């Protein structure tokens, strides 16, 4: 199965099992906008809980807030979004579709990397245990040719980025023969800048009454810095965390929920003494990578990607990339934002935004290290890694979502073997025992095998089957999602056994 095929299957699976639906589908939908269904909202909330508790419970010097979507328009002037929050866009004249020029080039570079990897994989298959990957890359003519081409295009791309040279973007696209995915042609327009903020009007038609839907949640933290610091008696270094919706007018929204117009962010701004920001930048890089790897989805599926071109507010930046079905892509960003944000808000508002440091006897505008992760991208990372089609010994195939158990939408399913003989009533007793501690489903329709498959498909870690022996000895069959092993356990032992695997606290202890 190719990655593209897997991705299409994953999108269909999300709809079939109540994870994600196209928004406004009865009106033929709305591009790049999705709704989370009954399973999806549970998984999404569990992801947010894992992040929130890891940030605020495990760090005594990190607290949380919830700021508004609408903010004073000057906020976005101070942050640089009004002047600089732009994407380089290019249109294909035949398909009438619009694309980000930088993304087209990045996708082209990714395809070169895939070609190199295919050559490496062929070499590994050919030489087996004797394969030396480093030497192979240094000597194989196909790899050397592709690597030289990659380096040449990448150097031109970096130069275009650094100079914000729109014509250079277009020339790279033309020289590389990059075609429109829809029309297959190279009939491109000029490249131009497009601001990504959604604007709306306030209660009057006055031009000064223009409001924006926030393109990031971070600015809500910056403008509330003084209130939180003073009321919480916070001492540097300290952080402020927030989870909330953000909005970007993505013209080229694609890859399902990877890039959307309305999305949710989990951001933390960590305020530090100037001169110590790089120390904290490195510390939070390590902290955040540990958070991801702790989920057990494979350390090899994550990597750091340091930014070559820094944003206007940063003096250091890196991405944590995850191996999605469409390649390694950004999952989380860690940035050293200096004093850009607080400093600009201080200038434009005329309010003093400083911290008196009792250790140095000085007042200063704090520097800031930011961690920012998209909830939706994290959702997609979990789902894409968890989706599996397994061949069973009896020749059947089962579809299973091996979602990390503490994040699973449903933790346990209670299943009476048949709908008679007092088994539903006994199963309800099990429900009453477990429902206060675990998200559960009760299901008595279809054969037990079909019910197991339904629970596998939504990622339920445990199934509890109540049968006739249960009435006699008070034991049930406990089935494990990942191993499919079935064991007899006492009903009263269920909370401890299930809790050991699915409780969020046990996941947090791994940090």
Protein backbone atom coordinates (compact mmCIF):
# COMPACT_ATOMS: atom_id res chain seq x y z
CA UNK A 1 0.00 0.00 0.00
CA UNK A 2 1.43 3.39 -0.99
CA UNK A 3 1.36 6.35 1.36
CA UNK A 4 -1.24 8.09 -0.79
CA UNK A 5 -3.48 5.02 -0.66
CA UNK A 6 -3.08 4.80 3.11
CA UNK A 7 -3.99 8.46 3.45
CA UNK A 8 -7.19 8.07 1.40
CA UNK A 9 -8.18 5.03 3.45
CA UNK A 10 -7.52 6.92 6.67
CA UNK A 11 -9.77 9.81 5.59
CA UNK A 12 -12.56 7.36 4.78
CA UNK A 13 -12.06 5.53 8.08
CA UNK A 14 -12.38 8.80 10.01
CA UNK A 15 -15.77 9.47 8.46
CA UNK A 16 -17.09 5.91 8.73
CA UNK A 17 -16.33 5.59 12.43
CA UNK A 18 -17.27 9.05 13.64
CA UNK A 19 -13.88 10.70 14.00
CA UNK A 20 -14.04 13.53 11.46
CA UNK A 21 -16.73 14.76 9.05
CA UNK A 22 -16.53 17.37 6.26
CA UNK A 23 -18.16 20.50 7.64
CA UNK A 24 -21.57 21.47 6.21
CA UNK A 25 -21.56 18.31 4.12
CA UNK A 26 -25.30 18.48 3.41
CA UNK A 27 -24.51 21.69 1.49
CA UNK A 28 -21.61 19.99 -0.33
CA UNK A 29 -19.13 21.01 2.36
CA UNK A 30 -16.74 23.89 2.86
CA UNK A 31 -13.14 23.59 1.71
CA UNK A 32 -10.54 23.07 4.44
CA UNK A 33 -13.07 23.00 7.30
CA UNK A 34 -13.86 19.82 9.25
CA UNK A 35 -16.03 18.81 12.20
CA UNK A 36 -14.97 16.31 14.84
CA UNK A 37 -17.46 13.51 15.41
CA UNK A 38 -18.30 11.58 18.55
CA UNK A 39 -15.07 9.58 18.51
CA UNK A 40 -12.93 12.41 17.24
CA UNK A 41 -13.88 14.87 19.95
CA UNK A 42 -12.96 12.34 22.65
CA UNK A 43 -9.55 11.67 21.11
CA UNK A 44 -8.99 15.38 20.59
CA UNK A 45 -9.89 16.19 24.20
CA UNK A 46 -7.54 13.48 25.45
CA UNK A 47 -4.67 14.91 23.39
CA UNK A 48 -5.36 18.35 24.86
CA UNK A 49 -5.52 16.92 28.36
CA UNK A 50 -2.17 15.16 27.93
CA UNK A 51 -0.57 18.43 26.80
CA UNK A 52 -2.28 20.61 29.41
CA UNK A 53 -1.42 18.42 32.36
CA UNK A 54 2.13 17.87 31.16
CA UNK A 55 2.55 21.65 30.94
CA UNK A 56 0.70 22.96 33.97
CA UNK A 57 0.71 20.05 36.42
CA UNK A 58 4.26 18.85 35.90
CA UNK A 59 5.79 22.33 35.77
CA UNK A 60 5.23 24.40 38.91
CA UNK A 61 6.17 27.58 37.06
CA UNK A 62 3.70 27.18 34.16
CA UNK A 63 0.10 28.36 34.47
CA UNK A 64 -2.76 28.50 31.98
CA UNK A 65 -5.16 31.10 30.58
CA UNK A 66 -7.95 31.27 28.01
CA UNK A 67 -7.91 34.49 25.98
CA UNK A 68 -10.46 35.71 23.44
CA UNK A 69 -10.44 35.15 19.69
CA UNK A 70 -11.10 38.86 19.08
CA UNK A 71 -8.39 41.27 20.18
CA UNK A 72 -7.75 44.97 19.68
CA UNK A 73 -6.63 45.55 16.05
CA UNK A 74 -3.39 47.16 17.23
CA UNK A 75 -2.40 43.77 18.62
CA UNK A 76 -1.77 42.51 15.10
CA UNK A 77 0.13 45.63 14.12
CA UNK A 78 2.47 45.14 17.09
CA UNK A 79 2.90 41.43 16.36
CA UNK A 80 3.83 42.08 12.73
CA UNK A 81 0.91 40.13 11.30
CA UNK A 82 -0.64 43.08 9.46
CA UNK A 83 2.60 43.82 7.62
CA UNK A 84 4.33 40.47 7.35
CA UNK A 85 1.87 37.56 7.66
CA UNK A 86 1.92 36.65 3.98
CA UNK A 87 2.29 33.59 1.75
CA UNK A 88 3.75 33.61 -1.79
CA UNK A 89 0.90 32.40 -4.02
CA UNK A 90 0.87 31.26 -7.63
CA UNK A 91 -2.06 30.27 -9.88
CA UNK A 92 -2.26 27.68 -12.61
CA UNK A 93 -4.07 29.29 -15.55
CA UNK A 94 -5.54 26.01 -16.79
CA UNK A 95 -6.93 24.50 -13.58
CA UNK A 96 -7.68 27.92 -12.01
CA UNK A 97 -6.21 26.49 -8.79
CA UNK A 98 -4.03 28.50 -6.44
CA UNK A 99 -0.93 27.18 -4.70
CA UNK A 100 1.74 28.33 -2.30
CA UNK A 101 4.91 28.69 -4.35
CA UNK A 102 7.15 27.68 -1.45
CA UNK A 103 5.11 24.53 -0.79
CA UNK A 104 5.32 23.49 -4.45
CA UNK A 105 9.10 23.75 -4.25
CA UNK A 106 9.27 21.97 -0.88
CA UNK A 107 7.17 19.11 -2.27
CA UNK A 108 9.53 18.88 -5.23
CA UNK A 109 12.51 18.66 -2.87
CA UNK A 110 10.71 15.99 -0.85
CA UNK A 111 10.26 13.90 -4.00
CA UNK A 112 14.01 14.07 -4.63
CA UNK A 113 14.58 12.86 -1.08
CA UNK A 114 12.16 9.99 -1.72
CA UNK A 115 14.10 9.02 -4.86
CA UNK A 116 17.33 8.94 -2.85
CA UNK A 117 15.68 6.84 -0.15
CA UNK A 118 14.39 4.36 -2.74
CA UNK A 119 17.94 3.91 -4.04
CA UNK A 120 19.15 3.36 -0.48
CA UNK A 121 16.39 0.81 0.16
CA UNK A 122 17.31 -1.07 -3.01
CA UNK A 123 20.94 -1.14 -1.91
CA UNK A 124 20.01 -2.41 1.53
CA UNK A 125 17.89 -5.17 -0.01
CA UNK A 126 20.70 -6.12 -2.39
CA UNK A 127 23.59 -6.21 0.09
CA UNK A 128 21.77 -7.28 3.27
CA UNK A 129 23.79 -7.22 6.49
CA UNK A 130 26.89 -6.06 4.62
CA UNK A 131 25.16 -2.83 3.56
CA UNK A 132 27.01 0.38 4.49
CA UNK A 133 24.51 3.21 4.01
CA UNK A 134 27.01 6.05 4.42
CA UNK A 135 29.42 4.58 1.87
CA UNK A 136 26.55 3.77 -0.50
CA UNK A 137 25.41 7.42 -0.45
CA UNK A 138 28.96 8.58 -1.14
CA UNK A 139 29.54 6.28 -4.12
CA UNK A 140 26.23 5.38 -5.80
CA UNK A 141 25.94 7.45 -9.03
CA UNK A 142 22.14 7.70 -8.88
CA UNK A 143 22.24 8.96 -5.31
CA UNK A 144 25.03 11.42 -6.11
CA UNK A 145 23.12 12.76 -9.12
CA UNK A 146 19.90 13.27 -7.14
CA UNK A 147 21.80 14.77 -4.19
CA UNK A 148 23.54 17.29 -6.44
CA UNK A 149 20.20 18.30 -7.95
CA UNK A 150 18.66 18.60 -4.46
CA UNK A 151 21.50 20.81 -3.24
CA UNK A 152 21.26 23.08 -6.28
CA UNK A 153 17.47 23.57 -6.00
CA UNK A 154 17.63 23.92 -2.21
CA UNK A 155 20.30 26.62 -2.44
CA UNK A 156 18.19 28.60 -4.91
CA UNK A 157 15.10 28.14 -2.74
CA UNK A 158 16.89 29.37 0.37
CA UNK A 159 18.19 32.42 -1.49
CA UNK A 160 14.67 33.21 -2.73
CA UNK A 161 13.31 32.90 0.82
CA UNK A 162 16.01 35.09 2.32
CA UNK A 163 15.49 37.79 -0.30
CA UNK A 164 11.70 37.37 -0.45
CA UNK A 165 12.25 37.21 -4.21
CA UNK A 166 8.90 36.29 -5.75
CA UNK A 167 10.26 36.06 -9.29
CA UNK A 168 12.96 33.65 -8.08
CA UNK A 169 10.27 31.39 -6.67
CA UNK A 170 8.53 31.30 -10.03
CA UNK A 171 11.75 30.66 -11.92
CA UNK A 172 12.56 27.65 -9.74
CA UNK A 173 9.09 26.25 -10.42
CA UNK A 174 9.57 26.71 -14.17
CA UNK A 175 13.13 25.37 -14.27
CA UNK A 176 12.19 22.26 -12.28
CA UNK A 177 9.20 21.56 -14.50
CA UNK A 178 6.80 21.56 -11.56
CA UNK A 179 3.27 20.96 -12.82
CA UNK A 180 -0.16 21.65 -11.38
CA UNK A 181 -1.46 18.49 -9.66
CA UNK A 182 -4.88 19.08 -11.21
CA UNK A 183 -4.19 20.12 -14.82
CA UNK A 184 -0.73 18.63 -15.18
CA UNK A 185 0.44 21.80 -16.94
CA UNK A 186 3.16 24.39 -16.25
CA UNK A 187 1.02 27.37 -17.22
CA UNK A 188 1.76 29.48 -14.13
CA UNK A 189 0.98 33.10 -13.24
CA UNK A 190 3.37 35.44 -11.48
CA UNK A 191 3.93 34.90 -7.76
CA UNK A 192 2.34 37.44 -5.40
CA UNK A 193 1.93 37.90 -1.65
CA UNK A 194 -1.34 37.22 0.15
CA UNK A 195 -2.14 38.10 3.78
CA UNK A 196 -3.57 35.14 5.67
CA UNK A 197 -5.63 36.93 8.31
CA UNK A 198 -9.42 36.82 8.24
CA UNK A 199 -10.84 40.28 8.80
CA UNK A 200 -14.33 41.26 9.91
CA UNK A 201 -16.15 44.46 10.74
CA UNK A 202 -17.23 45.62 14.17
CA UNK A 203 -20.50 47.31 15.04
CA UNK A 204 -19.84 50.32 12.79
CA UNK A 205 -18.68 50.80 9.23
CA UNK A 206 -15.73 52.90 10.38
CA UNK A 207 -12.47 51.63 8.88
CA UNK A 208 -10.88 51.85 12.34
CA UNK A 209 -13.44 49.33 13.59
CA UNK A 210 -11.85 46.49 11.61
CA UNK A 211 -11.30 43.29 13.61
CA UNK A 212 -9.38 40.12 12.86
CA UNK A 213 -9.91 36.49 13.74
CA UNK A 214 -6.68 35.69 15.54
CA UNK A 215 -4.14 33.81 13.38
CA UNK A 216 -2.37 32.47 16.49
CA UNK A 217 -3.15 32.18 20.20
CA UNK A 218 0.24 33.47 21.38
CA UNK A 219 -0.66 37.17 21.32
CA UNK A 220 -3.41 36.59 23.89
CA UNK A 221 -0.68 35.38 26.23
CA UNK A 222 1.56 38.38 25.56
CA UNK A 223 -1.10 41.00 26.18
CA UNK A 224 -2.09 39.28 29.45
CA UNK A 225 1.51 38.84 30.60
CA UNK A 226 1.34 41.62 33.21
CA UNK A 227 -1.97 40.46 34.67
CA UNK A 228 -0.80 36.87 35.05
CA UNK A 229 2.62 37.84 36.41
CA UNK A 230 1.23 40.19 39.03
CA UNK A 231 -1.84 38.26 40.16
CA UNK A 232 0.05 34.96 40.22
CA UNK A 233 3.14 36.53 41.81
CA UNK A 234 5.13 34.72 39.13
CA UNK A 235 8.91 34.88 39.17
CA UNK A 236 11.11 34.64 36.09
CA UNK A 237 11.46 32.07 34.58
CA UNK A 238 7.79 31.14 34.19
CA UNK A 239 5.40 30.11 31.47
CA UNK A 240 1.83 30.76 30.38
CA UNK A 241 0.00 28.01 28.49
CA UNK A 242 -3.12 28.22 26.36
CA UNK A 243 -5.27 26.01 24.14
CA UNK A 244 -7.55 27.74 21.66
CA UNK A 245 -8.83 28.23 18.15
CA UNK A 246 -6.94 30.18 15.50
CA UNK A 247 -7.86 31.09 11.94
CA UNK A 248 -5.87 31.48 8.74
CA UNK A 249 -7.18 32.16 5.27
CA UNK A 250 -5.32 29.22 3.77
CA UNK A 251 -5.84 29.34 0.04
CA UNK A 252 -4.03 26.05 -0.42
CA UNK A 253 -5.49 24.09 2.47
CA UNK A 254 -4.97 20.39 1.82
CA UNK A 255 -3.86 17.05 3.23
CA UNK A 256 -7.04 16.62 5.26
CA UNK A 257 -6.75 18.27 8.70
CA UNK A 258 -3.03 19.00 8.32
CA UNK A 259 -3.70 22.52 7.03
CA UNK A 260 -7.08 24.12 7.69
CA UNK A 261 -8.71 27.52 7.86
CA UNK A 262 -9.95 26.95 11.41
CA UNK A 263 -7.70 24.97 13.72
CA UNK A 264 -6.70 24.61 17.34
CA UNK A 265 -3.33 25.37 18.92
CA UNK A 266 -1.61 24.38 22.14
CA UNK A 267 0.93 27.09 22.88
CA UNK A 268 3.16 27.94 25.81
CA UNK A 269 5.21 31.12 26.17
CA UNK A 270 8.09 30.77 28.65
CA UNK A 271 9.46 34.09 29.90
CA UNK A 272 13.15 34.24 30.80
CA UNK A 273 15.95 36.64 31.69
CA UNK A 274 17.63 38.10 28.56
CA UNK A 275 20.81 36.19 27.80
CA UNK A 276 19.44 32.87 29.07
CA UNK A 277 17.02 32.26 26.19
CA UNK A 278 19.25 29.82 24.30
CA UNK A 279 19.68 27.67 27.40
CA UNK A 280 15.91 27.50 27.80
CA UNK A 281 15.43 26.99 24.05
CA UNK A 282 17.55 23.83 24.25
CA UNK A 283 15.77 22.69 27.42
CA UNK A 284 12.32 23.02 25.88
CA UNK A 285 13.45 21.25 22.70
CA UNK A 286 14.40 18.26 24.84
CA UNK A 287 11.24 18.52 26.95
CA UNK A 288 8.91 18.60 23.99
CA UNK A 289 10.57 15.77 22.11
CA UNK A 290 10.32 13.63 25.25
CA UNK A 291 6.58 14.42 25.43
CA UNK A 292 6.08 13.09 21.91
CA UNK A 293 8.26 9.99 22.20
CA UNK A 294 6.59 9.14 25.53
CA UNK A 295 3.45 8.19 23.60
CA UNK A 296 5.25 5.13 22.26
CA UNK A 297 4.77 5.87 18.57
CA UNK A 298 8.46 5.30 17.77
CA UNK A 299 11.35 7.71 18.26
CA UNK A 300 12.36 7.07 14.64
CA UNK A 301 9.17 8.84 13.50
CA UNK A 302 10.31 12.19 14.91
CA UNK A 303 13.13 14.50 13.98
CA UNK A 304 14.23 18.08 14.54
CA UNK A 305 14.38 20.46 11.60
CA UNK A 306 16.23 23.68 12.38
CA UNK A 307 15.00 26.76 10.52
CA UNK A 308 17.38 28.26 8.00
CA UNK A 309 15.25 31.36 7.57
CA UNK A 310 14.04 32.76 10.87
CA UNK A 311 10.75 34.53 11.40
CA UNK A 312 10.93 38.26 12.05
CA UNK A 313 10.50 37.71 15.80
CA UNK A 314 12.97 34.86 16.37
CA UNK A 315 16.69 34.38 17.01
CA UNK A 316 16.41 30.56 16.99
CA UNK A 317 13.76 28.14 15.76
CA UNK A 318 13.29 24.44 15.17
CA UNK A 319 10.43 22.16 14.21
CA UNK A 320 9.64 18.73 15.55
CA UNK A 321 8.67 16.84 12.40
CA UNK A 322 6.61 13.64 12.34
CA UNK A 323 6.56 10.95 9.69
CA UNK A 324 3.05 11.41 8.29
CA UNK A 325 1.70 9.29 5.41
CA UNK A 326 2.86 12.10 3.10
CA UNK A 327 6.38 12.35 4.57
CA UNK A 328 8.10 14.15 7.42
CA UNK A 329 6.19 17.36 8.13
CA UNK A 330 6.06 19.95 10.90
CA UNK A 331 4.17 18.88 14.01
CA UNK A 332 5.42 21.36 16.59
CA UNK A 333 7.50 24.52 16.56
CA UNK A 334 9.90 25.71 19.25
CA UNK A 335 11.01 29.32 18.89
CA UNK A 336 13.15 31.78 20.78
CA UNK A 337 11.08 34.91 20.22
CA UNK A 338 13.45 37.33 22.05
CA UNK A 339 11.60 40.36 23.48
CA UNK A 340 9.97 41.12 20.13
CA UNK A 341 6.35 40.65 21.20
CA UNK A 342 6.38 42.20 24.67
CA UNK A 343 8.67 44.96 23.43
CA UNK A 344 6.38 45.88 20.53
CA UNK A 345 3.26 45.77 22.70
CA UNK A 346 5.01 48.06 25.16
CA UNK A 347 5.84 50.55 22.41
CA UNK A 348 2.45 50.58 20.70
CA UNK A 349 0.32 50.52 23.85
CA UNK A 350 2.42 52.97 25.82
CA UNK A 351 2.16 50.63 28.84
CA UNK A 352 5.28 49.55 30.69
CA UNK A 353 5.65 45.79 30.28
CA UNK A 354 8.70 44.95 32.34
CA UNK A 355 9.80 42.62 35.10
CA UNK A 356 11.73 43.71 38.17
CA UNK A 357 14.30 41.02 38.86
CA UNK A 358 15.07 40.91 42.61
CA UNK A 359 18.19 38.84 41.93
CA UNK A 360 19.82 41.42 39.65
CA UNK A 361 18.04 44.55 40.86
CA UNK A 362 17.16 45.39 37.25
CA UNK A 363 13.95 45.90 35.33
CA UNK A 364 13.74 44.50 31.82
CA UNK A 365 11.41 43.27 29.11
CA UNK A 366 11.62 39.46 29.40
CA UNK A 367 12.73 37.28 26.54
CA UNK A 368 10.46 34.41 25.55
CA UNK A 369 10.77 30.81 24.37
CA UNK A 370 7.65 29.42 22.68
CA UNK A 371 6.40 25.90 22.13
CA UNK A 372 3.50 25.66 19.69
CA UNK A 373 1.72 22.54 18.48
CA UNK A 374 -1.41 22.12 16.39
CA UNK A 375 -4.04 19.93 18.05
CA UNK A 376 -5.34 18.87 14.64
CA UNK A 377 -1.90 17.90 13.37
CA UNK A 378 -1.28 15.96 16.56
CA UNK A 379 -4.63 14.22 16.02
CA UNK A 380 -3.57 13.30 12.48
CA UNK A 381 -0.18 12.05 13.70
CA UNK A 382 -1.82 9.74 16.24
CA UNK A 383 -4.37 8.41 13.76
CA UNK A 384 -1.98 7.91 10.86
CA UNK A 385 0.51 6.03 13.02
CA UNK A 386 -2.20 3.96 14.73
CA UNK A 387 -4.06 2.76 11.63
CA UNK A 388 -3.14 -0.83 10.77
CA UNK A 389 -4.51 -3.60 8.57
CA UNK A 390 -3.40 -6.88 10.15
CA UNK A 391 -3.45 -10.30 8.55
CA UNK A 392 -4.72 -12.87 11.05
CA UNK A 393 -3.84 -16.55 11.30
CA UNK A 394 -7.28 -17.59 10.06
CA UNK A 395 -6.76 -15.63 6.86
CA UNK A 396 -8.99 -12.72 7.85
CA UNK A 397 -7.89 -9.10 7.97
CA UNK A 398 -8.67 -6.81 10.84
CA UNK A 399 -8.48 -3.02 10.87
CA UNK A 400 -7.23 -1.69 14.18
CA UNK A 401 -6.33 1.70 15.57
CA UNK A 402 -3.50 1.11 18.03
CA UNK A 403 -4.04 4.53 19.63
CA UNK A 404 -1.95 5.06 22.77
CA UNK A 405 -4.35 3.74 25.39
CA UNK A 406 -4.63 6.90 27.55
CA UNK A 407 -5.65 8.86 24.43
CA UNK A 408 -8.20 6.33 23.14
CA UNK A 409 -11.75 7.73 22.75
CA UNK A 410 -13.27 4.65 24.40
CA UNK A 411 -11.29 2.83 27.07
CA UNK A 412 -13.43 -0.26 27.49
CA UNK A 413 -16.37 -1.93 25.77
CA UNK A 414 -18.81 -4.07 27.79
CA UNK A 415 -20.33 -6.85 25.70
CA UNK A 416 -22.92 -9.41 26.85
CA UNK A 417 -22.37 -12.59 24.86
CA UNK A 418 -26.10 -12.86 24.06
CA UNK A 419 -29.15 -10.67 24.66
CA UNK A 420 -30.87 -13.09 27.04
CA UNK A 421 -30.40 -15.35 30.07
CA UNK A 422 -29.67 -12.41 32.35
CA UNK A 423 -26.42 -11.50 30.59
CA UNK A 424 -27.46 -7.91 29.66
CA UNK A 425 -28.43 -7.28 33.28
CA UNK A 426 -25.08 -8.61 34.51
CA UNK A 427 -23.26 -6.56 31.90
CA UNK A 428 -25.05 -3.48 33.21
CA UNK A 429 -23.58 -4.19 36.63
CA UNK A 430 -20.13 -4.10 35.03
CA UNK A 431 -21.04 -0.80 33.36
CA UNK A 432 -22.05 0.64 36.73
CA UNK A 433 -18.69 -0.42 38.18
CA UNK A 434 -16.57 1.10 35.41
CA UNK A 435 -18.46 4.13 34.09
CA UNK A 436 -17.22 6.58 36.73
CA UNK A 437 -13.57 5.96 35.86
CA UNK A 438 -13.49 5.10 32.17
CA UNK A 439 -15.13 6.16 28.91
CA UNK A 440 -17.06 3.08 27.83
CA UNK A 441 -19.39 1.63 25.22
CA UNK A 442 -22.10 -0.96 25.76
CA UNK A 443 -22.82 -3.10 22.71
CA UNK A 444 -25.08 -6.15 22.39
CA UNK A 445 -25.73 -6.14 18.61
CA UNK A 446 -24.24 -8.75 16.20
CA UNK A 447 -21.88 -11.60 16.91
CA UNK A 448 -19.12 -11.14 19.46
CA UNK A 449 -16.54 -11.29 16.66
CA UNK A 450 -18.13 -8.40 14.77
CA UNK A 451 -18.33 -6.39 17.98
CA UNK A 452 -14.63 -6.97 18.63
CA UNK A 453 -13.87 -5.69 15.13
CA UNK A 454 -15.93 -2.55 15.67
CA UNK A 455 -14.00 -1.78 18.84
CA UNK A 456 -10.67 -2.48 17.12
CA UNK A 457 -11.63 0.02 14.42
CA UNK A 458 -12.12 2.85 16.94
CA UNK A 459 -9.08 1.92 19.04
CA UNK A 460 -10.73 0.62 22.23
CA UNK A 461 -7.93 -0.91 24.36
CA UNK A 462 -10.14 -3.45 26.23
CA UNK A 463 -13.29 -5.44 25.64
CA UNK A 464 -15.10 -7.12 28.54
CA UNK A 465 -17.34 -10.03 27.55
CA UNK A 466 -20.02 -11.16 29.97
CA UNK A 467 -21.01 -14.81 29.41
CA UNK A 468 -22.85 -17.60 31.22
CA UNK A 469 -19.78 -18.44 33.33
CA UNK A 470 -19.93 -14.87 34.66
CA UNK A 471 -23.24 -15.66 36.33
CA UNK A 472 -21.67 -18.66 38.04
CA UNK A 473 -18.23 -17.44 39.13
CA UNK A 474 -18.17 -13.65 38.75
CA UNK A 475 -15.44 -13.66 36.10
CA UNK A 476 -15.45 -12.09 32.63
CA UNK A 477 -13.32 -12.38 29.51
CA UNK A 478 -10.97 -9.42 29.14
CA UNK A 479 -9.68 -8.97 25.59
CA UNK A 480 -6.62 -6.85 24.81
CA UNK A 481 -6.86 -4.78 21.59
CA UNK A 482 -3.20 -5.01 20.60
CA UNK A 483 -2.48 -8.68 21.31
CA UNK A 484 -6.08 -9.98 20.99
CA UNK A 485 -5.30 -12.16 24.02
CA UNK A 486 -8.29 -13.12 26.13
CA UNK A 487 -8.03 -13.81 29.85
CA UNK A 488 -10.54 -14.57 32.58
CA UNK A 489 -10.52 -12.02 35.38
CA UNK A 490 -12.72 -11.25 38.34
CA UNK A 491 -15.14 -8.38 37.85
CA UNK A 492 -13.82 -6.56 40.92
CA UNK A 493 -10.27 -6.63 39.44
CA UNK A 494 -11.29 -4.81 36.24
CA UNK A 495 -10.75 -1.21 37.44
CA UNK A 496 -7.14 -1.87 38.46
CA UNK A 497 -6.23 -3.87 35.35
CA UNK A 498 -7.80 -1.39 32.91
CA UNK A 499 -6.58 1.66 34.82
CA UNK A 500 -2.95 0.49 34.75
CA UNK A 501 -2.96 0.82 30.96
CA UNK A 502 -5.36 3.66 30.19
CA UNK A 503 -5.00 6.18 33.03
CA UNK A 504 -3.48 9.49 31.96
CA UNK A 505 -1.51 9.68 35.21
CA UNK A 506 0.54 6.65 34.23
CA UNK A 507 1.39 8.27 30.89
CA UNK A 508 2.44 11.47 32.65
CA UNK A 509 4.74 9.51 34.96
CA UNK A 510 6.80 8.61 31.91
CA UNK A 511 7.82 12.25 31.60
